[in-house]
Amino acid sequence: MTTYLGLLFEILFLLAGIYLYLFSRGIIKTKQGASFLKENKNLIRYGSLALIAVMLINISLHIRDILG
């Protein structure tokens, strides 16, 4: 049961990374985030890409562990 709970959290972190990447590219727009995004665009973009990469590796290893 804890294995599936860990996998669920890894998927949630992957979705958070995808959301941050789309936010940094300007595809998702908010009123309050305009000034924050202007100052930290590259930092958010590189951080979200790193988070996506790490979570994809973790999810693939987790699924491989579950399947045998």
C-alpha atoms as a PDB file:
ATOM      1  CA  MET A   1       0.000   0.000   0.000  1.00  0.00           C
ATOM      2  CA  THR A   2       2.804   2.434   0.800  1.00  0.00           C
ATOM      3  CA  THR A   3       4.367   1.658  -2.558  1.00  0.00           C
ATOM      4  CA  TYR A   4       1.313   2.943  -4.371  1.00  0.00           C
ATOM      5  CA  LEU A   5       1.100   5.965  -2.083  1.00  0.00           C
ATOM      6  CA  GLY A   6       4.714   6.828  -2.944  1.00  0.00           C
ATOM      7  CA  LEU A   7       3.944   6.454  -6.629  1.00  0.00           C
ATOM      8  CA  LEU A   8       0.963   8.775  -6.234  1.00  0.00           C
ATOM      9  CA  PHE A   9       3.145  11.456  -4.644  1.00  0.00           C
ATOM     10  CA  GLU A  10       5.733  11.093  -7.385  1.00  0.00           C
ATOM     11  CA  ILE A  11       3.019  11.625  -9.996  1.00  0.00           C
ATOM     12  CA  LEU A  12       1.779  14.695  -8.094  1.00  0.00           C
ATOM     13  CA  PHE A  13       5.302  16.162  -8.045  1.00  0.00           C
ATOM     14  CA  LEU A  14       5.584  15.444 -11.785  1.00  0.00           C
ATOM     15  CA  LEU A  15       2.344  17.334 -12.404  1.00  0.00           C
ATOM     16  CA  ALA A  16       3.615  20.217 -10.250  1.00  0.00           C
ATOM     17  CA  GLY A  17       6.783  20.347 -12.354  1.00  0.00           C
ATOM     18  CA  ILE A  18       4.759  20.409 -15.559  1.00  0.00           C
ATOM     19  CA  TYR A  19       2.570  23.203 -14.159  1.00  0.00           C
ATOM     20  CA  LEU A  20       5.622  25.265 -13.185  1.00  0.00           C
ATOM     21  CA  TYR A  21       7.153  24.771 -16.621  1.00  0.00           C
ATOM     22  CA  LEU A  22       3.973  25.908 -18.358  1.00  0.00           C
ATOM     23  CA  PHE A  23       3.785  28.874 -15.962  1.00  0.00           C
ATOM     24  CA  SER A  24       7.374  29.876 -16.745  1.00  0.00           C
ATOM     25  CA  ARG A  25       6.714  29.675 -20.495  1.00  0.00           C
ATOM     26  CA  GLY A  26       3.712  31.990 -20.131  1.00  0.00           C
ATOM     27  CA  ILE A  27       1.134  29.444 -21.259  1.00  0.00           C
ATOM     28  CA  ILE A  28      -0.585  29.633 -17.858  1.00  0.00           C
ATOM     29  CA  LYS A  29      -1.174  33.265 -16.950  1.00  0.00           C
ATOM     30  CA  THR A  30      -2.012  34.828 -13.599  1.00  0.00           C
ATOM     31  CA  LYS A  31      -2.377  38.467 -12.588  1.00  0.00           C
ATOM     32  CA  GLN A  32      -0.206  38.264  -9.479  1.00  0.00           C
ATOM     33  CA  GLY A  33       2.553  36.214 -11.090  1.00  0.00           C
ATOM     34  CA  ALA A  34       3.590  38.671 -13.794  1.00  0.00           C
ATOM     35  CA  SER A  35       6.245  40.537 -11.821  1.00  0.00           C
ATOM     36  CA  PHE A  36       7.488  37.371 -10.107  1.00  0.00           C
ATOM     37  CA  LEU A  37       7.758  35.607 -13.432  1.00  0.00           C
ATOM     38  CA  LYS A  38       9.612  38.509 -15.038  1.00  0.00           C
ATOM     39  CA  GLU A  39      12.361  38.309 -12.403  1.00  0.00           C
ATOM     40  CA  ASN A  40      12.640  34.526 -12.043  1.00  0.00           C
ATOM     41  CA  LYS A  41      11.677  33.072 -15.423  1.00  0.00           C
ATOM     42  CA  ASN A  42      14.890  31.154 -16.114  1.00  0.00           C
ATOM     43  CA  LEU A  43      15.240  29.888 -12.556  1.00  0.00           C
ATOM     44  CA  ILE A  44      11.696  28.515 -12.575  1.00  0.00           C
ATOM     45  CA  ARG A  45      12.157  26.997 -16.011  1.00  0.00           C
ATOM     46  CA  TYR A  46      15.386  25.156 -15.166  1.00  0.00           C
ATOM     47  CA  GLY A  47      14.074  24.068 -11.778  1.00  0.00           C
ATOM     48  CA  SER A  48      10.874  22.700 -13.254  1.00  0.00           C
ATOM     49  CA  LEU A  49      12.760  20.830 -15.985  1.00  0.00           C
ATOM     50  CA  ALA A  50      15.014  19.284 -13.331  1.00  0.00           C
ATOM     51  CA  LEU A  51      11.967  18.309 -11.250  1.00  0.00           C
ATOM     52  CA  ILE A  52      10.278  16.743 -14.293  1.00  0.00           C
ATOM     53  CA  ALA A  53      13.416  14.770 -15.186  1.00  0.00           C
ATOM     54  CA  VAL A  54      13.943  13.451 -11.659  1.00  0.00           C
ATOM     55  CA  MET A  55      10.290  12.518 -11.233  1.00  0.00           C
ATOM     56  CA  LEU A  56      10.201  10.682 -14.572  1.00  0.00           C
ATOM     57  CA  ILE A  57      13.226   8.637 -13.515  1.00  0.00           C
ATOM     58  CA  ASN A  58      11.694   7.943 -10.099  1.00  0.00           C
ATOM     59  CA  ILE A  59       8.349   6.914 -11.592  1.00  0.00           C
ATOM     60  CA  SER A  60       9.970   4.577 -14.118  1.00  0.00           C
ATOM     61  CA  LEU A  61      12.090   2.951 -11.383  1.00  0.00           C
ATOM     62  CA  HIS A  62       9.077   2.732  -9.087  1.00  0.00           C
ATOM     63  CA  ILE A  63       6.937   1.030 -11.730  1.00  0.00           C
ATOM     64  CA  ARG A  64       9.769  -1.349 -12.556  1.00  0.00           C
ATOM     65  CA  ASP A  65      10.035  -2.190  -8.852  1.00  0.00           C
ATOM     66  CA  ILE A  66       6.288  -2.798  -8.588  1.00  0.00           C
ATOM     67  CA  LEU A  67       6.153  -5.048 -11.647  1.00  0.00           C
ATOM     68  CA  GLY A  68       8.897  -7.281 -10.443  1.00  0.00           C
END
